[in-house]
Protein backbone atom coordinates (compact mmCIF):
# COMPACT_ATOMS: atom_id res chain seq x y z
CA MET A 1 -0.09 -0.02 0.06
CA PRO A 2 1.11 3.61 -0.62
CA LEU A 3 2.32 5.30 2.46
CA SER A 4 -0.49 7.95 1.90
CA SER A 5 -3.14 5.65 2.70
CA LYS A 6 -4.26 5.01 6.39
CA PRO A 7 -3.32 1.41 7.72
CA GLU A 8 -6.15 -0.86 7.83
CA PRO A 9 -4.23 -3.77 10.15
CA SER A 10 -7.44 -6.49 10.08
CA LYS A 11 -7.22 -6.07 6.03
CA GLU A 12 -3.45 -5.86 5.45
CA THR A 13 -0.49 -8.48 5.44
CA VAL A 14 3.00 -6.89 6.62
CA ILE A 15 5.94 -7.99 5.32
CA PHE A 16 9.33 -7.18 7.04
CA TRP A 17 12.44 -7.20 4.91
CA HIS A 18 15.08 -8.80 7.27
CA ILE A 19 18.29 -7.62 6.05
CA PRO A 20 21.13 -9.57 7.70
CA LYS A 21 22.89 -7.94 10.89
CA SER A 22 20.51 -5.05 10.61
CA GLY A 23 18.24 -5.84 13.87
CA GLY A 24 15.79 -8.32 12.22
CA THR A 25 16.28 -10.79 14.92
CA THR A 26 15.72 -8.60 17.44
CA ALA A 27 12.29 -7.46 15.81
CA LYS A 28 11.23 -10.91 15.55
CA SER A 29 11.96 -11.49 19.22
CA ILE A 30 9.88 -8.49 20.05
CA TYR A 31 6.86 -9.01 18.01
CA SER A 32 6.87 -13.08 19.08
CA SER A 33 6.97 -11.75 22.68
CA MET A 34 3.85 -9.69 21.96
CA GLY A 35 1.89 -12.72 21.47
CA MET A 36 2.33 -12.74 17.82
CA GLY A 37 4.73 -16.03 17.90
CA LYS A 38 1.87 -18.04 15.95
CA SER A 39 0.98 -15.75 13.29
CA THR A 40 4.77 -14.39 12.78
CA ARG A 41 5.98 -16.33 9.69
CA VAL A 42 9.81 -16.37 8.33
CA TYR A 43 10.01 -17.44 4.72
CA PRO A 44 13.47 -16.43 3.72
CA THR A 45 13.72 -17.67 0.42
CA PRO A 46 11.14 -17.70 -2.91
CA SER A 47 10.92 -21.15 -2.69
CA LYS A 48 9.47 -20.98 1.15
CA ILE A 49 7.51 -18.19 0.24
CA LEU A 50 5.89 -19.96 -2.88
CA GLU A 51 5.29 -23.11 -0.52
CA ALA A 52 3.66 -21.13 2.12
CA LYS A 53 1.41 -19.53 -0.79
CA GLU A 54 0.15 -22.98 -1.84
CA MET A 55 -0.94 -24.01 1.40
CA GLY A 56 -2.65 -20.80 1.94
CA LEU A 57 -0.85 -19.60 4.64
CA LEU A 58 -0.31 -16.17 3.07
CA GLU A 59 -3.91 -15.00 3.14
CA PRO A 60 -5.05 -11.87 5.15
CA GLY A 61 -5.73 -13.05 8.73
CA GLN A 62 -3.62 -15.88 8.55
CA VAL A 63 -0.63 -14.17 9.62
CA ASP A 64 0.44 -10.85 11.29
CA ILE A 65 4.13 -10.45 9.83
CA ILE A 66 5.89 -12.08 7.31
CA PHE A 67 9.83 -11.89 7.85
CA THR A 68 11.56 -12.49 4.59
CA SER A 69 14.99 -11.98 2.87
CA SER A 70 13.33 -11.68 -0.66
CA PRO A 71 11.06 -8.63 -0.38
CA GLY A 72 10.65 -8.00 -3.93
CA PHE A 73 9.30 -11.49 -4.50
CA ALA A 74 7.31 -11.66 -1.64
CA VAL A 75 5.34 -8.75 -2.61
CA LYS A 76 4.63 -9.59 -6.21
CA GLN A 77 3.59 -13.12 -4.88
CA ILE A 78 1.48 -11.84 -1.92
CA PHE A 79 0.00 -8.37 -2.67
CA ASP A 80 -2.57 -7.79 -5.71
CA SER A 81 -5.70 -5.76 -6.13
CA THR A 82 -7.62 -8.04 -3.24
CA HIS A 83 -4.87 -8.54 -1.08
CA LYS A 84 -3.41 -5.24 0.62
CA GLY A 85 -0.24 -5.07 2.65
CA ARG A 86 3.00 -2.86 4.02
CA VAL A 87 6.50 -3.57 4.02
CA LEU A 88 8.66 -2.83 6.82
CA ALA A 89 12.42 -2.87 7.35
CA LEU A 90 15.15 -1.89 9.74
CA PHE A 91 18.25 -0.54 8.01
CA ARG A 92 21.81 -0.37 9.06
CA HIS A 93 25.13 1.34 7.76
CA PRO A 94 26.23 -0.75 5.15
CA VAL A 95 29.77 -1.11 6.35
CA GLU A 96 29.14 -1.33 9.87
CA ARG A 97 26.92 -4.31 8.65
CA LEU A 98 29.47 -6.00 7.17
CA ILE A 99 31.98 -5.78 9.56
CA SER A 100 29.40 -7.06 12.35
CA LYS A 101 28.65 -10.03 9.84
CA PHE A 102 32.51 -10.66 9.54
CA TYR A 103 32.96 -11.07 13.46
CA TYR A 104 29.63 -12.74 13.91
CA LEU A 105 29.93 -15.84 11.61
CA GLN A 106 33.56 -16.70 13.27
CA VAL A 107 31.63 -17.53 16.34
CA ALA A 108 27.95 -18.26 15.44
CA GLN A 109 27.99 -21.79 15.34
CA TRP A 110 24.30 -22.34 15.00
CA GLU A 111 24.27 -20.25 11.69
CA LYS A 112 24.37 -22.30 8.41
CA LYS A 113 27.25 -19.88 7.13
CA TYR A 114 29.25 -20.24 10.41
CA ASN A 115 33.20 -19.95 9.53
CA PRO A 116 35.42 -20.36 12.30
CA ASP A 117 38.44 -19.96 9.39
CA TRP A 118 37.55 -16.12 9.32
CA LYS A 119 38.94 -15.91 12.95
CA ASP A 120 42.54 -16.39 11.31
CA MET A 121 41.95 -13.60 8.52
CA ASP A 122 42.15 -9.88 8.73
CA ILE A 123 39.21 -8.01 7.77
CA ILE A 124 41.11 -6.55 4.88
CA ASP A 125 41.97 -9.85 3.55
CA TRP A 126 38.35 -10.94 3.98
CA ALA A 127 36.89 -7.78 1.94
CA LYS A 128 39.49 -8.44 -0.86
CA LYS A 129 39.37 -12.34 -1.39
CA ILE A 130 36.29 -13.68 0.57
CA ASN A 131 33.21 -11.26 0.77
CA THR A 132 30.73 -10.89 -1.99
CA ASP A 133 27.89 -9.66 -0.28
CA ASN A 134 28.52 -6.00 -1.44
CA ASN A 135 25.43 -3.66 -2.09
CA HIS A 136 23.12 -6.29 -0.90
CA MET A 137 20.43 -3.69 -0.58
CA VAL A 138 20.31 -2.18 -3.94
CA LYS A 139 20.41 -5.70 -5.63
CA LYS A 140 17.63 -7.16 -3.42
CA LEU A 141 15.43 -3.99 -4.20
CA ALA A 142 16.14 -4.28 -7.89
CA GLY A 143 15.66 -8.21 -8.45
CA LYS A 144 19.33 -9.07 -8.88
CA ILE A 145 21.28 -12.02 -7.21
CA GLN A 146 24.48 -11.41 -5.30
CA ARG A 147 26.78 -12.28 -7.92
CA ASP A 148 25.26 -9.76 -10.30
CA LYS A 149 26.73 -6.31 -10.57
CA ALA A 150 24.66 -3.07 -9.00
CA THR A 151 24.33 -0.01 -11.08
CA GLU A 152 22.93 3.41 -10.87
CA THR A 153 19.76 2.30 -12.53
CA ASP A 154 19.58 -0.04 -9.95
CA LEU A 155 19.88 2.38 -7.15
CA ARG A 156 17.34 4.71 -8.65
CA MET A 157 14.92 1.87 -8.52
CA ALA A 158 15.82 1.07 -5.11
CA MET A 159 15.35 4.50 -3.79
CA ARG A 160 12.09 4.93 -5.64
CA THR A 161 10.89 1.68 -4.21
CA VAL A 162 12.01 2.53 -0.60
CA LYS A 163 10.53 6.03 -0.73
CA GLN A 164 7.02 4.75 -2.29
CA ARG A 165 6.53 1.36 -0.32
CA PHE A 166 8.38 1.37 2.80
CA VAL A 167 7.85 2.19 6.29
CA VAL A 168 11.58 2.47 7.12
CA GLY A 169 13.32 1.85 10.52
CA LEU A 170 16.68 2.49 11.66
CA MET A 171 18.87 0.09 13.99
CA HIS A 172 20.33 2.95 15.85
CA GLU A 173 17.19 4.31 16.23
CA MET A 174 15.41 0.79 17.33
CA GLU A 175 13.02 1.86 19.90
CA GLU A 176 11.46 4.69 18.07
CA SER A 177 11.49 2.28 14.73
CA ILE A 178 9.36 -0.17 16.61
CA HIS A 179 6.85 2.56 17.93
CA ARG A 180 6.49 3.23 14.21
CA PHE A 181 6.05 -0.16 13.24
CA ASN A 182 3.62 -0.80 16.23
CA THR A 183 1.29 2.16 14.76
CA VAL A 184 1.04 0.60 11.16
CA MET A 185 0.43 -2.64 12.60
CA GLY A 186 -2.37 -1.35 14.86
CA ILE A 187 -0.69 -2.66 18.07
CA ASP A 188 -2.06 -1.02 21.13
CA GLU A 189 0.71 0.31 23.09
CA GLU A 190 -1.60 1.18 26.13
CA GLU A 191 -2.20 -2.41 26.86
CA GLU A 192 0.01 -3.81 29.70
CA TYR A 193 1.45 -6.64 28.10
CA THR A 194 2.51 -4.58 25.34
CA LYS A 195 4.17 -2.08 27.80
CA ARG A 196 5.91 -4.94 29.45
CA VAL A 197 7.28 -6.40 26.19
CA MET A 198 8.67 -2.90 25.23
CA TYR A 199 10.10 -2.19 28.60
CA THR A 200 11.85 -5.50 28.42
CA PHE A 201 13.58 -4.83 25.33
CA PHE A 202 14.06 -1.12 25.59
CA GLY A 203 13.89 -0.44 29.54
CA ASN A 204 13.08 3.14 30.55
CA GLY A 205 15.11 4.73 27.66
CA SER A 206 17.99 2.65 28.31
CA SER A 207 19.74 0.88 25.17
CA MET A 208 17.97 -1.94 23.75
CA LYS A 209 18.46 -5.83 24.57
CA THR A 210 19.71 -7.34 21.20
CA ASN A 211 21.28 -10.03 19.80
CA PHE A 212 24.69 -8.44 20.34
CA ASN A 213 28.22 -9.68 19.15
CA SER A 214 30.98 -7.99 20.99
CA HIS A 215 34.08 -7.39 18.41
CA PRO A 216 36.82 -5.16 17.63
CA LYS A 217 36.24 -1.71 16.40
CA VAL A 218 36.94 -0.78 13.00
CA GLU A 219 37.22 2.99 12.77
CA LYS A 220 35.95 5.19 9.83
CA GLY A 221 38.89 6.23 7.79
CA SER A 222 40.57 3.10 8.24
CA PRO A 223 42.00 0.93 5.50
CA ALA A 224 39.38 -1.67 6.10
CA TRP A 225 36.38 0.87 6.42
CA ASP A 226 37.18 2.75 3.20
CA LEU A 227 37.70 -0.61 1.14
CA LEU A 228 34.14 -1.69 2.19
CA ALA A 229 32.91 1.68 1.69
CA GLU A 230 34.29 1.62 -1.74
CA GLN A 231 32.81 -1.71 -2.52
CA ASN A 232 29.36 -0.83 -1.26
CA ALA A 233 29.48 2.70 -2.57
CA LEU A 234 25.45 2.08 -3.99
CA ASP A 235 24.53 0.84 -0.81
CA ILE A 236 25.73 3.70 1.31
CA ARG A 237 23.89 6.16 -1.10
CA LEU A 238 20.68 4.24 -0.56
CA TYR A 239 21.36 4.35 3.16
CA GLU A 240 22.09 7.98 3.32
CA TYR A 241 18.68 8.63 1.51
CA ILE A 242 16.96 6.39 3.89
CA LEU A 243 18.18 8.60 6.77
CA VAL A 244 16.18 11.32 4.93
CA ILE A 245 13.17 9.25 4.47
CA PHE A 246 12.94 8.22 8.14
CA GLN A 247 12.82 11.85 9.06
CA GLU A 248 10.16 12.67 6.40
CA GLN A 249 8.08 9.82 7.64
CA LYS A 250 7.50 10.88 11.02
CA GLY A 251 4.80 13.33 10.07
CA ILE A 252 3.08 10.43 8.32
CA ILE A 253 3.25 8.14 11.21
CA ASN A 254 1.95 10.61 13.52
CA SER A 255 -0.73 11.36 11.31
CA TYR A 256 -1.86 7.45 11.80
CA ARG A 257 -1.82 7.86 15.09
CA THR A 258 -4.02 10.93 15.32
CA SER A 259 -6.49 9.16 12.89
CA VAL A 260 -6.34 5.78 15.02
CA ALA A 261 -7.06 7.77 18.29
CA MET A 262 -10.10 9.46 16.63
CA ASP A 263 -11.35 6.29 15.42
CA GLN A 264 -11.23 4.89 18.97
CA ASP A 265 -12.73 8.06 20.43
CA ILE A 266 -15.61 7.56 18.10
CA LYS A 267 -16.00 3.97 19.38
CA LYS A 268 -16.15 4.93 22.65
CA LYS A 269 -19.18 7.51 22.33
């Protein structure tokens, strides 16, 4: 649905684009904790989306939120003139995301892509010789696979898609982002259970509790940072554009909240 349209949670399906190492796992935990566990689905790949569609699991009312790493494919398969929905995502600076990935997969034995050999590598060598996960966001939004080259045309397409279709969140603004997502999904933050969940993850204005992996800091301007920035120049430009959109959407989300409050007042009368 276009952002200009007021959300209708009971009639819409929500897709959450899970970008690796960008806060998606924390978002899953939050919404599962809010009692959405039975209707929070994870369909990471196109094949899983098609399988779920054939089983009728993607119909409105069957699921509250769908987490996927293939947003473009999911939108095409789920949304049409009779099936409305929203697309949400948390975004992180592309270089920070890759640095986190490099260190995380050295120790994350539970992950399919766990690679202890990276412990003996310098991050510059990894960036030069191993990593192929560059311009991830632009490629995904342009419908390309990882080995494809991202272009200026792909970037423009990605910017247009995010601007028109996404409710954007930022990993470093996690609490505010979750508040916005809650508004779009019609989650009542005045309910006691929702308050407890939000407090569990964010405390009274404290830092969020998240899937955090401590690792050495890679300074901005260092050789490793600059190399990754060069390799992900298009994603960085998209991210900088998303920062602007995040600010612009504040007014839109507030208008949703006002509208919801007015509807609730009418129902009470």
